[in-house]
Amino acid sequence: MRDNTGFNDKDVLTTGEVAKICNVASRTVSKWFDSGQLEGYRIPGSKDRRIPVANLMTFMKQHNIPMDGLMSGRPRVLVVDCDDEVGSTLQRVLAEEADYEVHISTNLFEAGLECERFRPHVLLFDVDMAGDLTDYICNSIQECDELQGIRMVAITSRLTEGQIVQLANRGFDSVLRKPFTVRQVIESVEQAHSVLF
């Protein structure tokens, strides 16, 4: 059973939470904060510090701190597919079989909003639906500091082998060909989530 009180459900952390994630004392985190190495903010009228998760991830990468502590909790998956039936089936199966938190978007505009709001760990993305916009969407995610951690899994029923190879160069971690099995979907999400950091 997963620990549902994990840090990956939060956008902002206390110094105590950061200390647990980095496996150091709270006063060490306070020193990082006070010296400007770890960016965050103080709560007005208080000495309490808060560190946005995106800033912590950047700091941990720069200092080669293992990211295992951020992996607790339920993985968040965003399914982007214009086929309502595919989306709702994936939502039900991933929630029941793997205990993932799953949201669905059936159009690209909604998907962009959900990426900002929901901050998925893994994006299951129907590239057939996006067509020529696939490159633009990938670049937008990769260039946004707060969304860079999202791992992308392409879903397709139309692409050739050559086009599938090109998806890896665009930043996709793997490709699922329709029709796919529940096991294939779960394995793709788990593999992408495990290399999240």
Protein backbone atom coordinates (compact mmCIF):
# COMPACT_ATOMS: atom_id res chain seq x y z
CA MET A 1 0.00 0.00 0.00
CA ARG A 2 1.37 3.43 -0.92
CA ASP A 3 1.88 6.22 1.57
CA ASN A 4 -0.80 8.75 0.61
CA THR A 5 0.69 11.51 2.74
CA GLY A 6 3.63 11.91 0.36
CA PHE A 7 5.40 15.13 -0.50
CA ASN A 8 4.54 14.89 -4.19
CA ASP A 9 0.98 16.00 -3.41
CA LYS A 10 2.29 19.43 -2.33
CA ASP A 11 3.65 22.44 -4.22
CA VAL A 12 5.27 24.13 -1.19
CA LEU A 13 7.20 22.52 1.68
CA THR A 14 8.31 23.47 5.20
CA THR A 15 11.98 23.32 6.20
CA GLY A 16 11.18 20.20 8.25
CA GLU A 17 9.72 18.46 5.20
CA VAL A 18 12.72 19.48 3.08
CA ALA A 19 15.04 18.14 5.81
CA LYS A 20 13.27 14.76 5.70
CA ILE A 21 13.45 14.60 1.90
CA CYS A 22 17.16 15.52 1.83
CA ASN A 23 17.99 13.45 4.92
CA VAL A 24 19.58 16.37 6.79
CA ALA A 25 18.82 18.38 9.94
CA SER A 26 16.25 21.21 9.78
CA ARG A 27 18.95 23.75 10.73
CA THR A 28 20.92 22.69 7.63
CA VAL A 29 17.93 23.52 5.45
CA SER A 30 17.60 26.87 7.24
CA LYS A 31 21.28 27.61 6.45
CA TRP A 32 20.73 26.74 2.78
CA PHE A 33 17.72 29.07 2.75
CA ASP A 34 19.41 31.94 4.64
CA SER A 35 22.53 31.81 2.43
CA GLY A 36 20.36 32.01 -0.72
CA GLN A 37 21.40 28.57 -2.00
CA LEU A 38 17.83 27.25 -1.65
CA GLU A 39 15.22 29.70 -2.88
CA GLY A 40 11.93 30.16 -1.05
CA TYR A 41 10.07 32.75 1.01
CA ARG A 42 9.14 33.61 4.57
CA ILE A 43 5.53 33.68 5.73
CA PRO A 44 4.68 37.35 6.43
CA GLY A 45 4.78 38.19 10.14
CA SER A 46 6.60 34.95 10.94
CA LYS A 47 10.07 33.43 10.78
CA ASP A 48 8.69 30.30 9.09
CA ARG A 49 10.23 29.50 5.72
CA ARG A 50 8.52 27.84 2.75
CA ILE A 51 10.24 26.21 -0.19
CA PRO A 52 8.42 25.58 -3.51
CA VAL A 53 8.93 21.99 -4.74
CA ALA A 54 10.22 23.24 -8.13
CA ASN A 55 13.00 25.20 -6.34
CA LEU A 56 13.86 22.19 -4.18
CA MET A 57 14.12 19.92 -7.25
CA THR A 58 16.51 22.38 -8.93
CA PHE A 59 18.63 22.60 -5.76
CA MET A 60 18.73 18.79 -5.36
CA LYS A 61 19.79 18.28 -8.98
CA GLN A 62 22.55 20.91 -8.67
CA HIS A 63 23.92 19.24 -5.52
CA ASN A 64 23.40 15.60 -6.60
CA ILE A 65 21.05 14.90 -3.69
CA PRO A 66 19.06 11.67 -4.28
CA MET A 67 15.44 12.40 -5.17
CA ASP A 68 13.97 9.28 -3.53
CA GLY A 69 12.31 11.33 -0.77
CA LEU A 70 10.08 13.09 -3.29
CA MET A 71 8.75 9.83 -4.69
CA SER A 72 6.43 8.93 -1.81
CA GLY A 73 2.69 9.32 -2.26
CA ARG A 74 0.43 8.54 -5.22
CA PRO A 75 1.77 9.17 -8.72
CA ARG A 76 -0.33 11.75 -10.61
CA VAL A 77 -1.15 10.84 -14.20
CA LEU A 78 -2.80 13.08 -16.79
CA VAL A 79 -4.43 11.25 -19.72
CA VAL A 80 -4.85 13.42 -22.84
CA ASP A 81 -7.04 11.63 -25.37
CA CYS A 82 -9.99 12.94 -27.42
CA ASP A 83 -11.72 9.55 -27.06
CA ASP A 84 -13.82 9.83 -23.88
CA GLU A 85 -14.10 6.06 -23.60
CA VAL A 86 -10.32 5.54 -23.69
CA GLY A 87 -9.80 8.30 -21.12
CA SER A 88 -12.41 7.09 -18.66
CA THR A 89 -11.26 3.45 -19.00
CA LEU A 90 -7.64 4.45 -18.31
CA GLN A 91 -8.73 6.59 -15.36
CA ARG A 92 -10.69 3.74 -13.79
CA VAL A 93 -8.06 1.07 -14.44
CA LEU A 94 -5.06 3.14 -13.28
CA ALA A 95 -6.88 4.21 -10.12
CA GLU A 96 -8.12 0.70 -9.26
CA GLU A 97 -5.16 -1.44 -10.38
CA ALA A 98 -2.25 0.85 -9.49
CA ASP A 99 -3.70 3.41 -7.03
CA TYR A 100 -2.70 6.35 -9.24
CA GLU A 101 -4.44 9.72 -9.08
CA VAL A 102 -5.69 10.24 -12.64
CA HIS A 103 -7.18 13.24 -14.44
CA ILE A 104 -8.44 13.28 -18.04
CA SER A 105 -8.33 15.99 -20.72
CA THR A 106 -10.12 15.55 -24.03
CA ASN A 107 -8.70 18.62 -25.79
CA LEU A 108 -5.31 20.35 -25.93
CA PHE A 109 -6.43 23.62 -24.31
CA GLU A 110 -7.82 21.76 -21.31
CA ALA A 111 -4.64 19.64 -21.18
CA GLY A 112 -2.50 22.78 -20.88
CA LEU A 113 -4.61 24.05 -17.98
CA GLU A 114 -4.50 20.63 -16.27
CA CYS A 115 -0.70 20.47 -16.55
CA GLU A 116 -0.51 23.78 -14.64
CA ARG A 117 -3.17 22.90 -12.05
CA PHE A 118 -2.66 19.17 -11.51
CA ARG A 119 1.13 19.02 -12.02
CA PRO A 120 1.15 15.40 -13.24
CA HIS A 121 4.22 13.22 -12.79
CA VAL A 122 3.37 11.35 -16.00
CA LEU A 123 1.51 12.56 -19.09
CA LEU A 124 -0.17 9.87 -21.25
CA PHE A 125 -0.51 11.86 -24.46
CA ASP A 126 -2.38 10.89 -27.66
CA VAL A 127 -0.02 12.27 -30.31
CA ASP A 128 -2.48 11.39 -33.10
CA MET A 129 -4.85 13.94 -31.60
CA ALA A 130 -2.14 16.63 -31.40
CA GLY A 131 -0.80 16.08 -34.93
CA ASP A 132 1.50 18.94 -36.01
CA LEU A 133 1.22 20.56 -32.57
CA THR A 134 3.08 17.69 -30.86
CA ASP A 135 6.49 19.45 -31.13
CA TYR A 136 5.09 22.73 -29.85
CA ILE A 137 3.45 21.03 -26.84
CA CYS A 138 6.62 19.07 -25.98
CA ASN A 139 8.76 22.20 -26.19
CA SER A 140 6.29 24.16 -24.04
CA ILE A 141 6.47 21.54 -21.28
CA GLN A 142 10.26 21.21 -21.44
CA GLU A 143 10.84 24.98 -21.41
CA CYS A 144 8.58 25.65 -18.42
CA ASP A 145 10.63 25.34 -15.19
CA GLU A 146 7.65 24.13 -13.18
CA LEU A 147 6.66 21.45 -15.69
CA GLN A 148 10.11 20.12 -16.65
CA GLY A 149 9.74 17.15 -14.31
CA ILE A 150 6.74 15.75 -16.25
CA ARG A 151 7.55 12.46 -17.98
CA MET A 152 5.74 11.91 -21.28
CA VAL A 153 4.37 8.67 -22.73
CA ALA A 154 3.01 8.88 -26.28
CA ILE A 155 -0.17 7.04 -27.30
CA THR A 156 -0.68 6.34 -31.02
CA SER A 157 -2.51 4.12 -33.47
CA ARG A 158 -1.23 5.74 -36.67
CA LEU A 159 2.50 6.44 -36.47
CA THR A 160 5.10 4.46 -38.41
CA GLU A 161 8.17 2.91 -36.74
CA GLY A 162 10.29 5.81 -38.03
CA GLN A 163 7.92 8.39 -36.54
CA ILE A 164 7.88 6.51 -33.23
CA VAL A 165 11.71 6.67 -33.09
CA GLN A 166 11.49 10.45 -33.63
CA LEU A 167 9.23 10.78 -30.56
CA ALA A 168 12.15 9.83 -28.29
CA ASN A 169 14.11 12.78 -29.72
CA ARG A 170 11.21 15.07 -28.83
CA GLY A 171 11.33 14.02 -25.17
CA PHE A 172 8.91 11.09 -24.92
CA ASP A 173 10.01 8.31 -22.56
CA SER A 174 8.06 5.58 -24.33
CA VAL A 175 5.27 4.90 -26.82
CA LEU A 176 2.06 2.90 -26.36
CA ARG A 177 0.45 1.58 -29.52
CA LYS A 178 -3.35 1.24 -29.55
CA PRO A 179 -4.79 -1.21 -28.77
CA PHE A 180 -2.73 -1.76 -25.60
CA THR A 181 -3.21 -3.87 -22.50
CA VAL A 182 -3.70 -2.61 -18.95
CA ARG A 183 -0.33 -4.16 -18.02
CA GLN A 184 1.44 -2.23 -20.82
CA VAL A 185 -0.05 1.06 -19.61
CA ILE A 186 0.87 0.45 -15.97
CA GLU A 187 4.41 -0.63 -16.94
CA SER A 188 4.89 2.49 -19.09
CA VAL A 189 3.70 4.78 -16.30
CA GLU A 190 5.83 3.01 -13.68
CA GLN A 191 8.90 3.12 -15.87
CA ALA A 192 8.42 6.83 -16.62
CA HIS A 193 7.69 7.63 -12.96
CA SER A 194 10.76 5.73 -11.75
CA VAL A 195 13.04 7.90 -13.92
CA LEU A 196 11.23 11.07 -12.96
CA PHE A 197 14.31 12.30 -11.15
